[in-house]
C-alpha atoms as a PDB file:
ATOM      1  CA  MET A   1       1.348  13.291  -8.103  1.00  0.00           C
ATOM      2  CA  LYS A   2       4.354  13.126 -10.385  1.00  0.00           C
ATOM      3  CA  GLU A   3       7.695  11.632  -9.356  1.00  0.00           C
ATOM      4  CA  SER A   4       9.291  15.082  -9.116  1.00  0.00           C
ATOM      5  CA  GLU A   5       6.555  16.207  -6.693  1.00  0.00           C
ATOM      6  CA  LEU A   6       7.006  13.047  -4.634  1.00  0.00           C
ATOM      7  CA  VAL A   7      10.766  13.611  -4.447  1.00  0.00           C
ATOM      8  CA  ALA A   8      10.255  17.235  -3.382  1.00  0.00           C
ATOM      9  CA  ASN A   9       7.771  16.216  -0.660  1.00  0.00           C
ATOM     10  CA  ILE A  10      10.059  13.466   0.651  1.00  0.00           C
ATOM     11  CA  ALA A  11      12.998  15.868   0.716  1.00  0.00           C
ATOM     12  CA  GLU A  12      11.003  18.413   2.689  1.00  0.00           C
ATOM     13  CA  LEU A  13       9.508  15.955   5.199  1.00  0.00           C
ATOM     14  CA  ALA A  14      12.742  14.013   5.725  1.00  0.00           C
ATOM     15  CA  GLY A  15      14.941  17.107   5.842  1.00  0.00           C
ATOM     16  CA  VAL A  16      17.256  15.853   3.088  1.00  0.00           C
ATOM     17  CA  SER A  17      18.266  17.265  -0.279  1.00  0.00           C
ATOM     18  CA  GLN A  18      16.126  16.615  -3.337  1.00  0.00           C
ATOM     19  CA  ALA A  19      19.052  14.709  -4.862  1.00  0.00           C
ATOM     20  CA  ASP A  20      19.171  12.359  -1.868  1.00  0.00           C
ATOM     21  CA  ALA A  21      15.388  11.946  -1.898  1.00  0.00           C
ATOM     22  CA  GLY A  22      15.497  11.217  -5.649  1.00  0.00           C
ATOM     23  CA  ARG A  23      18.149   8.545  -5.128  1.00  0.00           C
ATOM     24  CA  ALA A  24      16.021   7.004  -2.360  1.00  0.00           C
ATOM     25  CA  VAL A  25      12.948   6.881  -4.605  1.00  0.00           C
ATOM     26  CA  ASP A  26      14.995   5.379  -7.461  1.00  0.00           C
ATOM     27  CA  ALA A  27      16.443   2.783  -5.075  1.00  0.00           C
ATOM     28  CA  PHE A  28      12.983   1.832  -3.808  1.00  0.00           C
ATOM     29  CA  VAL A  29      11.656   1.413  -7.354  1.00  0.00           C
ATOM     30  CA  ALA A  30      14.652  -0.741  -8.351  1.00  0.00           C
ATOM     31  CA  ILE A  31      14.400  -2.941  -5.259  1.00  0.00           C
ATOM     32  CA  ALA A  32      10.634  -3.293  -5.636  1.00  0.00           C
ATOM     33  CA  ALA A  33      10.894  -4.277  -9.302  1.00  0.00           C
ATOM     34  CA  GLU A  34      13.613  -6.843  -8.583  1.00  0.00           C
ATOM     35  CA  THR A  35      11.762  -8.334  -5.606  1.00  0.00           C
ATOM     36  CA  LEU A  36       8.434  -8.572  -7.427  1.00  0.00           C
ATOM     37  CA  ALA A  37      10.050 -10.013 -10.577  1.00  0.00           C
ATOM     38  CA  ARG A  38      11.446 -12.839  -8.411  1.00  0.00           C
ATOM     39  CA  GLY A  39       7.916 -13.519  -7.119  1.00  0.00           C
ATOM     40  CA  GLY A  40       8.468 -11.923  -3.714  1.00  0.00           C
ATOM     41  CA  ASP A  41       6.199  -9.439  -2.033  1.00  0.00           C
ATOM     42  CA  ILE A  42       6.651  -6.046  -0.388  1.00  0.00           C
ATOM     43  CA  ARG A  43       4.783  -5.304   2.827  1.00  0.00           C
ATOM     44  CA  LEU A  44       4.781  -1.791   4.211  1.00  0.00           C
ATOM     45  CA  THR A  45       2.916  -1.851   7.523  1.00  0.00           C
ATOM     46  CA  GLY A  46      -0.030   0.519   7.439  1.00  0.00           C
ATOM     47  CA  PHE A  47       0.506   1.366   3.766  1.00  0.00           C
ATOM     48  CA  GLY A  48      -0.134  -1.926   2.004  1.00  0.00           C
ATOM     49  CA  CYS A  49       1.213  -4.994   0.272  1.00  0.00           C
ATOM     50  CA  PHE A  50       2.483  -5.396  -3.282  1.00  0.00           C
ATOM     51  CA  GLU A  51       2.475  -9.000  -4.501  1.00  0.00           C
ATOM     52  CA  VAL A  52       2.591 -11.038  -7.691  1.00  0.00           C
ATOM     53  CA  VAL A  53      -0.306 -13.451  -8.185  1.00  0.00           C
ATOM     54  CA  ALA A  54      -0.559 -16.245 -10.755  1.00  0.00           C
ATOM     55  CA  GLN A  55      -3.615 -16.024 -13.011  1.00  0.00           C
ATOM     56  CA  PRO A  56      -4.542 -19.440 -14.444  1.00  0.00           C
ATOM     57  CA  ALA A  57      -5.274 -19.954 -18.121  1.00  0.00           C
ATOM     58  CA  ARG A  58      -8.951 -19.515 -18.901  1.00  0.00           C
ATOM     59  CA  ILE A  59     -11.498 -19.219 -21.679  1.00  0.00           C
ATOM     60  CA  GLY A  60     -12.815 -15.741 -22.441  1.00  0.00           C
ATOM     61  CA  ARG A  61     -15.084 -14.199 -25.055  1.00  0.00           C
ATOM     62  CA  HIS A  62     -14.184 -11.723 -27.775  1.00  0.00           C
ATOM     63  CA  PRO A  63     -16.303  -8.648 -26.923  1.00  0.00           C
ATOM     64  CA  ARG A  64     -17.435  -7.924 -30.482  1.00  0.00           C
ATOM     65  CA  THR A  65     -17.969 -11.386 -31.912  1.00  0.00           C
ATOM     66  CA  GLY A  66     -18.730 -13.395 -28.786  1.00  0.00           C
ATOM     67  CA  GLU A  67     -16.266 -16.022 -30.036  1.00  0.00           C
ATOM     68  CA  GLU A  68     -14.495 -18.023 -27.315  1.00  0.00           C
ATOM     69  CA  ILE A  69     -10.787 -17.322 -27.034  1.00  0.00           C
ATOM     70  CA  ALA A  70      -8.056 -18.910 -24.950  1.00  0.00           C
ATOM     71  CA  ILE A  71      -6.426 -16.554 -22.461  1.00  0.00           C
ATOM     72  CA  ALA A  72      -2.953 -17.692 -21.440  1.00  0.00           C
ATOM     73  CA  ALA A  73      -1.835 -18.016 -17.837  1.00  0.00           C
ATOM     74  CA  SER A  74      -0.005 -14.946 -16.563  1.00  0.00           C
ATOM     75  CA  ARG A  75       1.407 -13.240 -13.498  1.00  0.00           C
ATOM     76  CA  VAL A  76      -0.200 -10.000 -12.379  1.00  0.00           C
ATOM     77  CA  LEU A  77       0.776  -7.393  -9.820  1.00  0.00           C
ATOM     78  CA  LYS A  78      -1.708  -6.779  -7.014  1.00  0.00           C
ATOM     79  CA  PHE A  79      -1.785  -4.086  -4.360  1.00  0.00           C
ATOM     80  CA  ARG A  80      -3.769  -4.444  -1.156  1.00  0.00           C
ATOM     81  CA  PRO A  81      -3.985  -1.239   0.866  1.00  0.00           C
ATOM     82  CA  GLY A  82      -3.230  -1.352   4.588  1.00  0.00           C
ATOM     83  CA  ALA A  83      -5.579  -0.204   7.329  1.00  0.00           C
ATOM     84  CA  LEU A  84      -3.894   3.171   7.838  1.00  0.00           C
ATOM     85  CA  LEU A  85      -3.951   3.993   4.120  1.00  0.00           C
ATOM     86  CA  LYS A  86      -7.593   2.940   3.835  1.00  0.00           C
ATOM     87  CA  ALA A  87      -8.468   5.093   6.826  1.00  0.00           C
ATOM     88  CA  ALA A  88      -6.654   8.099   5.385  1.00  0.00           C
ATOM     89  CA  VAL A  89      -8.471   7.768   2.066  1.00  0.00           C
ATOM     90  CA  THR A  90     -11.948   6.839   3.299  1.00  0.00           C
ATOM     91  CA  GLY A  91     -12.020   8.719   6.595  1.00  0.00           C
ATOM     92  CA  ALA A  92     -12.654   5.452   8.482  1.00  0.00           C
ATOM     93  CA  SER A  93     -11.136   4.785  11.904  1.00  0.00           C
ATOM     94  CA  GLY A  94      -8.486   2.372  10.616  1.00  0.00           C
ATOM     95  CA  THR A  95      -8.971  -0.001  13.553  1.00  0.00           C
ATOM     96  CA  ASP A  96     -11.614  -2.276  12.026  1.00  0.00           C
ATOM     97  CA  PRO A  97     -10.019  -4.911   9.750  1.00  0.00           C
ATOM     98  CA  ASP A  98     -13.214  -4.949   7.647  1.00  0.00           C
ATOM     99  CA  ASP A  99     -12.913  -1.225   6.766  1.00  0.00           C
END
């Protein structure tokens, strides 16, 4: 789904104009980027959790030569889906935490 389709769907479901829905989507993206850049997390109950995780430095291998290379430490964005989202996608009940 493209952003324009998302905005149109939000506008329809929320009963607001597409301009208002677009501003809401833009605001969410801006707030999410700022929060995650600071190292915070975003938890949307039932949907999931966005968080930044530190990856330690490690030794890897060059895929063609097999030569060892140093991989620098970094921060990566992770998303963990919530139970309701998992259930909607997989058809599971959504009540079992191991789903």
